[in-house]
N, C-alpha and C. Protein backbone atom coordinates (compact mmCIF):
# COMPACT_ATOMS: atom_id res chain seq x y z
N MET A 1 0.85 -1.18 0.00
CA MET A 1 0.00 0.00 0.00
C MET A 1 0.89 1.24 0.00
N GLU A 2 0.83 2.01 -1.06
CA GLU A 2 1.64 3.21 -1.19
C GLU A 2 1.08 4.32 -0.30
N LYS A 3 1.95 4.96 0.46
CA LYS A 3 1.55 6.02 1.37
C LYS A 3 2.12 7.38 0.96
N LEU A 4 3.17 7.35 0.12
CA LEU A 4 3.85 8.58 -0.27
C LEU A 4 4.30 8.47 -1.72
N ILE A 5 4.05 9.53 -2.46
CA ILE A 5 4.55 9.65 -3.83
C ILE A 5 5.63 10.72 -3.81
N ILE A 6 6.80 10.36 -4.29
CA ILE A 6 7.92 11.31 -4.30
C ILE A 6 8.79 11.00 -5.52
N SER A 7 9.05 12.01 -6.32
CA SER A 7 9.91 11.83 -7.49
C SER A 7 11.37 11.78 -7.05
N ASN A 8 12.24 11.33 -7.94
CA ASN A 8 13.68 11.34 -7.65
C ASN A 8 14.16 12.76 -7.37
N GLU A 9 13.65 13.71 -8.14
CA GLU A 9 14.03 15.12 -7.97
C GLU A 9 13.62 15.62 -6.58
N ALA A 10 12.40 15.33 -6.17
CA ALA A 10 11.92 15.76 -4.86
C ALA A 10 12.71 15.06 -3.74
N TYR A 11 13.00 13.78 -3.92
CA TYR A 11 13.78 13.05 -2.92
C TYR A 11 15.15 13.69 -2.74
N GLU A 12 15.84 13.97 -3.85
CA GLU A 12 17.18 14.55 -3.78
C GLU A 12 17.15 15.93 -3.13
N GLU A 13 16.14 16.74 -3.46
CA GLU A 13 16.03 18.07 -2.85
C GLU A 13 15.75 17.94 -1.35
N PHE A 14 14.88 17.02 -0.98
CA PHE A 14 14.56 16.81 0.43
C PHE A 14 15.77 16.30 1.20
N LYS A 15 16.48 15.35 0.62
CA LYS A 15 17.69 14.80 1.25
C LYS A 15 18.73 15.90 1.44
N ASP A 16 18.90 16.77 0.46
CA ASP A 16 19.82 17.90 0.55
C ASP A 16 19.38 18.86 1.66
N PHE A 17 18.08 19.10 1.76
CA PHE A 17 17.53 19.95 2.83
C PHE A 17 17.88 19.38 4.20
N LEU A 18 17.71 18.07 4.37
CA LEU A 18 18.03 17.43 5.65
C LEU A 18 19.52 17.58 5.98
N GLN A 19 20.38 17.36 4.98
CA GLN A 19 21.82 17.46 5.20
C GLN A 19 22.24 18.88 5.55
N LYS A 20 21.71 19.87 4.83
CA LYS A 20 22.05 21.28 5.09
C LYS A 20 21.60 21.72 6.47
N ASN A 21 20.58 21.08 7.01
CA ASN A 21 20.05 21.44 8.33
C ASN A 21 20.53 20.48 9.42
N ASN A 22 21.55 19.69 9.09
CA ASN A 22 22.17 18.77 10.05
C ASN A 22 21.19 17.82 10.70
N VAL A 23 20.20 17.37 9.94
CA VAL A 23 19.24 16.38 10.44
C VAL A 23 19.86 15.01 10.21
N GLU A 24 20.14 14.32 11.28
CA GLU A 24 20.81 13.03 11.18
C GLU A 24 19.83 11.86 11.17
N SER A 25 18.63 12.08 11.64
CA SER A 25 17.63 11.01 11.70
C SER A 25 17.07 10.73 10.31
N ASN A 26 16.83 9.47 10.03
CA ASN A 26 16.17 9.09 8.78
C ASN A 26 14.70 8.77 9.01
N ASN A 27 14.19 9.11 10.19
CA ASN A 27 12.77 8.91 10.50
C ASN A 27 12.07 10.26 10.44
N ILE A 28 11.29 10.45 9.37
CA ILE A 28 10.63 11.71 9.12
C ILE A 28 9.12 11.50 9.18
N ARG A 29 8.47 12.25 10.09
CA ARG A 29 7.03 12.13 10.27
C ARG A 29 6.30 13.17 9.42
N ILE A 30 5.29 12.70 8.70
CA ILE A 30 4.36 13.60 8.02
C ILE A 30 3.32 13.98 9.07
N ALA A 31 3.24 15.26 9.39
CA ALA A 31 2.41 15.71 10.50
C ALA A 31 1.37 16.72 10.04
N MET A 32 0.27 16.75 10.76
CA MET A 32 -0.79 17.71 10.49
C MET A 32 -0.67 18.85 11.48
N ALA A 33 -0.68 20.07 10.97
CA ALA A 33 -0.66 21.25 11.81
C ALA A 33 -2.08 21.81 11.87
N GLN A 34 -2.41 22.46 12.94
CA GLN A 34 -3.73 23.06 13.03
C GLN A 34 -3.84 24.15 11.97
N GLY A 35 -4.97 24.22 11.34
CA GLY A 35 -5.16 25.19 10.27
C GLY A 35 -6.04 26.34 10.71
N GLY A 36 -6.08 27.32 9.87
CA GLY A 36 -6.96 28.46 10.08
C GLY A 36 -8.16 28.33 9.17
N CYS A 37 -8.47 29.39 8.48
CA CYS A 37 -9.63 29.40 7.60
C CYS A 37 -9.54 28.35 6.51
N GLY A 38 -8.33 28.02 6.08
CA GLY A 38 -8.15 27.06 4.99
C GLY A 38 -8.11 25.62 5.44
N GLY A 39 -8.28 25.38 6.73
CA GLY A 39 -8.23 24.01 7.23
C GLY A 39 -6.82 23.62 7.59
N PRO A 40 -6.60 22.35 7.93
CA PRO A 40 -5.28 21.92 8.37
C PRO A 40 -4.26 21.94 7.24
N THR A 41 -3.01 22.09 7.63
CA THR A 41 -1.89 22.00 6.69
C THR A 41 -0.99 20.86 7.15
N PHE A 42 -0.09 20.45 6.30
CA PHE A 42 0.77 19.32 6.60
C PHE A 42 2.23 19.72 6.44
N GLY A 43 3.06 19.13 7.24
CA GLY A 43 4.49 19.37 7.19
C GLY A 43 5.22 18.11 7.61
N VAL A 44 6.51 18.25 7.85
CA VAL A 44 7.32 17.11 8.27
C VAL A 44 8.15 17.51 9.48
N CYS A 45 8.49 16.52 10.28
CA CYS A 45 9.37 16.71 11.42
C CYS A 45 10.06 15.38 11.70
N VAL A 46 11.10 15.42 12.49
CA VAL A 46 11.78 14.20 12.89
C VAL A 46 10.89 13.50 13.91
N GLY A 47 10.78 12.18 13.80
CA GLY A 47 9.94 11.45 14.74
C GLY A 47 10.30 9.98 14.76
N GLU A 48 9.75 9.30 15.72
CA GLU A 48 9.94 7.86 15.84
C GLU A 48 8.61 7.17 15.58
N VAL A 49 8.68 5.93 15.17
CA VAL A 49 7.48 5.14 14.90
C VAL A 49 6.84 4.77 16.23
N ILE A 50 5.53 5.02 16.34
CA ILE A 50 4.77 4.63 17.52
C ILE A 50 3.57 3.81 17.07
N GLU A 51 2.87 3.24 18.03
CA GLU A 51 1.70 2.42 17.70
C GLU A 51 0.70 3.26 16.92
N GLY A 52 0.15 2.68 15.88
CA GLY A 52 -0.82 3.37 15.04
C GLY A 52 -0.19 4.10 13.87
N ASP A 53 1.11 3.91 13.65
CA ASP A 53 1.81 4.56 12.54
C ASP A 53 1.99 3.60 11.38
N LEU A 54 2.06 4.18 10.20
CA LEU A 54 2.42 3.47 8.98
C LEU A 54 3.76 4.03 8.52
N VAL A 55 4.55 3.21 7.86
CA VAL A 55 5.88 3.65 7.41
C VAL A 55 6.04 3.34 5.93
N GLU A 56 6.52 4.33 5.19
CA GLU A 56 6.87 4.17 3.78
C GLU A 56 8.36 4.45 3.67
N LYS A 57 9.14 3.43 3.36
CA LYS A 57 10.59 3.59 3.21
C LYS A 57 10.90 3.99 1.78
N VAL A 58 11.57 5.13 1.63
CA VAL A 58 12.00 5.62 0.32
C VAL A 58 13.51 5.76 0.39
N ASN A 59 14.20 4.88 -0.32
CA ASN A 59 15.67 4.81 -0.24
C ASN A 59 16.07 4.66 1.21
N ASP A 60 16.72 5.65 1.80
CA ASP A 60 17.16 5.52 3.18
C ASP A 60 16.35 6.35 4.17
N ILE A 61 15.21 6.86 3.74
CA ILE A 61 14.36 7.66 4.63
C ILE A 61 13.07 6.90 4.93
N ASN A 62 12.72 6.83 6.22
CA ASN A 62 11.45 6.25 6.65
C ASN A 62 10.46 7.40 6.85
N PHE A 63 9.46 7.47 5.98
CA PHE A 63 8.41 8.47 6.13
C PHE A 63 7.31 7.84 6.97
N ILE A 64 6.99 8.49 8.08
CA ILE A 64 6.05 7.97 9.07
C ILE A 64 4.77 8.79 9.01
N ILE A 65 3.63 8.11 9.04
CA ILE A 65 2.35 8.80 9.07
C ILE A 65 1.40 8.03 9.97
N ASN A 66 0.65 8.77 10.76
CA ASN A 66 -0.34 8.15 11.61
C ASN A 66 -1.43 7.53 10.74
N GLU A 67 -1.83 6.33 11.07
CA GLU A 67 -2.82 5.61 10.27
C GLU A 67 -4.14 6.37 10.14
N ASN A 68 -4.57 7.07 11.19
CA ASN A 68 -5.82 7.83 11.13
C ASN A 68 -5.73 8.98 10.12
N ILE A 69 -4.58 9.66 10.10
CA ILE A 69 -4.39 10.74 9.12
C ILE A 69 -4.38 10.17 7.72
N TYR A 70 -3.69 9.04 7.54
CA TYR A 70 -3.65 8.40 6.22
C TYR A 70 -5.06 7.98 5.78
N ASN A 71 -5.83 7.40 6.68
CA ASN A 71 -7.19 6.97 6.34
C ASN A 71 -8.08 8.14 5.96
N GLU A 72 -7.86 9.31 6.57
CA GLU A 72 -8.69 10.48 6.27
C GLU A 72 -8.24 11.22 5.01
N TYR A 73 -6.93 11.31 4.78
CA TYR A 73 -6.41 12.15 3.69
C TYR A 73 -5.76 11.37 2.55
N GLY A 74 -5.55 10.08 2.71
CA GLY A 74 -5.00 9.26 1.64
C GLY A 74 -3.51 9.43 1.44
N VAL A 75 -3.06 9.06 0.27
CA VAL A 75 -1.64 9.11 -0.11
C VAL A 75 -1.17 10.56 -0.12
N PHE A 76 0.05 10.79 0.35
CA PHE A 76 0.64 12.13 0.32
C PHE A 76 1.66 12.21 -0.82
N THR A 77 1.82 13.40 -1.37
CA THR A 77 2.80 13.65 -2.42
C THR A 77 3.76 14.73 -1.93
N LEU A 78 5.05 14.43 -1.98
CA LEU A 78 6.08 15.40 -1.66
C LEU A 78 6.59 15.97 -2.97
N LEU A 79 6.41 17.27 -3.16
CA LEU A 79 6.80 17.93 -4.41
C LEU A 79 8.07 18.73 -4.23
N SER A 80 8.93 18.69 -5.24
CA SER A 80 10.14 19.52 -5.25
C SER A 80 9.74 20.97 -5.53
N THR A 81 10.70 21.86 -5.38
CA THR A 81 10.45 23.27 -5.69
C THR A 81 9.98 23.43 -7.13
N GLU A 82 10.64 22.74 -8.05
CA GLU A 82 10.26 22.85 -9.46
C GLU A 82 8.85 22.29 -9.70
N GLU A 83 8.56 21.16 -9.09
CA GLU A 83 7.23 20.55 -9.25
C GLU A 83 6.13 21.40 -8.62
N ASN A 84 6.52 22.28 -7.70
CA ASN A 84 5.58 23.17 -7.02
C ASN A 84 5.66 24.59 -7.60
N ASP A 85 5.95 24.68 -8.88
CA ASP A 85 6.00 25.95 -9.61
C ASP A 85 6.93 26.98 -8.99
N GLY A 86 8.06 26.52 -8.46
CA GLY A 86 9.06 27.42 -7.91
C GLY A 86 8.74 27.95 -6.52
N LEU A 87 7.72 27.42 -5.87
CA LEU A 87 7.29 27.94 -4.57
C LEU A 87 7.87 27.17 -3.39
N GLY A 88 8.89 26.37 -3.60
CA GLY A 88 9.49 25.60 -2.52
C GLY A 88 8.88 24.22 -2.42
N MET A 89 9.54 23.37 -1.66
CA MET A 89 9.01 22.01 -1.46
C MET A 89 7.70 22.09 -0.69
N THR A 90 6.84 21.13 -0.96
CA THR A 90 5.57 21.08 -0.24
C THR A 90 5.11 19.63 -0.16
N ILE A 91 4.21 19.38 0.77
CA ILE A 91 3.60 18.07 0.89
C ILE A 91 2.10 18.24 0.84
N ARG A 92 1.47 17.42 0.01
CA ARG A 92 0.02 17.54 -0.20
C ARG A 92 -0.64 16.18 -0.07
N PRO A 93 -1.82 16.17 0.56
CA PRO A 93 -2.57 14.92 0.64
C PRO A 93 -3.40 14.71 -0.62
N LEU A 94 -3.73 13.46 -0.91
CA LEU A 94 -4.61 13.15 -2.04
C LEU A 94 -5.97 13.78 -1.84
N ILE A 95 -6.51 13.67 -0.63
CA ILE A 95 -7.82 14.23 -0.30
C ILE A 95 -7.57 15.56 0.40
N GLU A 96 -7.88 16.65 -0.28
CA GLU A 96 -7.63 17.98 0.26
C GLU A 96 -8.52 18.23 1.47
N PRO A 97 -7.94 18.83 2.53
CA PRO A 97 -8.75 19.17 3.70
C PRO A 97 -9.80 20.20 3.33
N ILE A 98 -10.92 20.12 3.98
CA ILE A 98 -11.98 21.10 3.78
C ILE A 98 -11.72 22.25 4.72
N GLY A 99 -11.70 23.46 4.16
CA GLY A 99 -11.44 24.65 4.96
C GLY A 99 -12.55 24.90 5.96
N GLY A 100 -12.19 25.59 7.01
CA GLY A 100 -13.14 25.89 8.06
C GLY A 100 -14.03 27.07 7.73
N GLY A 101 -13.67 27.81 6.69
CA GLY A 101 -14.47 28.99 6.37
C GLY A 101 -14.09 30.14 7.27
N CYS A 102 -14.44 31.32 6.87
CA CYS A 102 -14.08 32.49 7.64
C CYS A 102 -15.12 32.74 8.72
N ALA A 103 -14.62 32.88 9.95
CA ALA A 103 -15.52 33.12 11.08
C ALA A 103 -15.32 34.52 11.63
N GLY A 104 -14.85 35.42 10.79
CA GLY A 104 -14.73 36.80 11.22
C GLY A 104 -13.36 37.20 11.75
N CYS A 105 -12.37 36.34 11.65
CA CYS A 105 -11.04 36.75 12.11
C CYS A 105 -10.51 37.82 11.17
N SER A 106 -9.54 38.57 11.60
CA SER A 106 -8.99 39.63 10.74
C SER A 106 -7.67 39.25 10.11
N GLY A 107 -7.32 37.96 10.17
CA GLY A 107 -6.04 37.50 9.65
C GLY A 107 -5.88 37.62 8.14
N CYS A 108 -6.96 37.65 7.39
CA CYS A 108 -6.89 37.69 5.92
C CYS A 108 -7.05 39.09 5.38
N HIS A 109 -7.35 40.04 6.21
CA HIS A 109 -7.65 41.39 5.72
C HIS A 109 -6.42 42.25 5.68
């Protein structure tokens, strides 16, 4: 069962990012951050495998994702800067989160 789609270009850029930032761990967690009006966003951090996690090994990196997040959002895609139209690396779920809508905050104005 595929949990992550990553091109060779995106892998090399991500690996270079880890090396430049002195990240020695090969255990990288795909994590959900609390969202605002647009709903949750996703990022990565160093982490260890715990109960309820799924692991996708890509070359020498273990990408870890909580099974509940995977079940809700599906396969994730890690895009290189070029694949993301020059806007930097990003990670996107197959099933886009539904935004919360604007509740009157002034953050967008």
